[in-house]
Protein backbone atom coordinates (compact mmCIF):
# COMPACT_ATOMS: atom_id res chain seq x y z
CA UNK A 1 0.25 -0.22 -0.09
CA UNK A 2 3.04 2.32 0.60
CA UNK A 3 3.97 2.76 -3.63
CA UNK A 4 -0.28 3.29 -4.35
CA UNK A 5 -0.82 6.16 -6.42
CA UNK A 6 -3.99 7.68 -7.10
CA UNK A 7 -4.34 8.07 -10.26
CA UNK A 8 -7.41 10.62 -10.55
CA UNK A 9 -4.74 12.80 -8.79
CA UNK A 10 -2.35 14.94 -10.65
CA UNK A 11 1.29 15.00 -9.99
CA UNK A 12 3.21 18.68 -9.22
CA UNK A 13 5.77 19.15 -11.56
CA UNK A 14 6.15 22.58 -10.56
CA UNK A 15 9.75 22.75 -8.49
CA UNK A 16 10.30 25.66 -5.27
CA UNK A 17 11.80 28.09 -6.72
CA UNK A 18 9.56 28.82 -9.25
CA UNK A 19 6.66 28.41 -6.43
CA UNK A 20 8.35 31.08 -4.72
CA UNK A 21 8.33 33.20 -7.78
CA UNK A 22 4.90 32.94 -9.18
CA UNK A 23 3.64 33.24 -5.45
CA UNK A 24 5.29 36.86 -5.10
CA UNK A 25 4.35 37.31 -8.69
CA UNK A 26 0.71 37.00 -8.03
CA UNK A 27 0.66 38.87 -5.13
CA UNK A 28 2.38 42.03 -6.75
CA UNK A 29 0.23 41.73 -9.34
CA UNK A 30 -3.28 41.12 -6.91
CA UNK A 31 -1.83 43.36 -4.41
CA UNK A 32 -1.08 46.28 -7.41
CA UNK A 33 -4.20 46.26 -9.04
CA UNK A 34 -6.58 45.71 -5.54
CA UNK A 35 -5.72 48.40 -3.16
CA UNK A 36 -3.29 50.62 -6.01
CA UNK A 37 -5.75 50.52 -8.18
CA UNK A 38 -8.65 51.35 -6.04
CA UNK A 39 -6.86 54.13 -4.07
CA UNK A 40 -5.94 56.16 -7.71
CA UNK A 41 -9.03 55.70 -8.93
CA UNK A 42 -10.47 57.28 -5.25
CA UNK A 43 -8.05 60.00 -5.98
CA UNK A 44 -7.60 60.91 -9.73
CA UNK A 45 -11.81 60.63 -10.08
CA UNK A 46 -12.34 64.14 -9.18
CA UNK A 47 -14.96 65.27 -11.30
CA UNK A 48 -17.60 62.90 -9.26
CA UNK A 49 -18.93 62.95 -5.71
CA UNK A 50 -17.78 61.40 -3.16
CA UNK A 51 -19.90 58.39 -3.15
CA UNK A 52 -20.14 58.30 -6.92
CA UNK A 53 -16.36 58.04 -6.61
CA UNK A 54 -16.63 54.60 -3.95
CA UNK A 55 -19.28 52.87 -6.21
CA UNK A 56 -16.65 52.79 -8.71
CA UNK A 57 -13.82 51.57 -7.17
CA UNK A 58 -15.98 49.32 -4.93
CA UNK A 59 -16.57 48.28 -8.54
CA UNK A 60 -13.80 47.95 -9.85
CA UNK A 61 -12.54 46.31 -6.54
CA UNK A 62 -14.98 43.30 -6.98
CA UNK A 63 -14.36 42.85 -10.85
CA UNK A 64 -10.65 42.81 -10.29
CA UNK A 65 -10.61 40.05 -7.63
CA UNK A 66 -13.44 37.59 -9.76
CA UNK A 67 -11.32 38.28 -12.70
CA UNK A 68 -8.17 37.05 -10.54
CA UNK A 69 -9.84 34.45 -8.85
CA UNK A 70 -10.95 32.92 -12.24
CA UNK A 71 -7.82 33.72 -14.03
CA UNK A 72 -5.92 31.81 -11.08
CA UNK A 73 -8.23 29.09 -11.20
CA UNK A 74 -7.38 29.01 -14.94
CA UNK A 75 -3.97 28.70 -14.42
CA UNK A 76 -4.53 25.89 -11.50
CA UNK A 77 -6.28 24.22 -14.27
CA UNK A 78 -3.91 24.15 -17.30
CA UNK A 79 -0.89 23.26 -14.09
CA UNK A 80 0.61 27.02 -14.61
CA UNK A 81 0.88 27.05 -10.73
């Protein structure tokens, strides 16, 4: 039973350096888009009222978060990460 492998579970072929680099890259892109992108919108949409800026920034945050989750899931399914 020690050498029995489940054929349904794919084996990981990603190396540790690549895994660390991938995590750092995803964290930087995610933080940049979510935190700094939202902050940029709040600071530069001066023609709008406060509630409108908050609505735009909140919509941006949710859309980017869902897009990141979808994109990461697709990369995971393809075995990239």
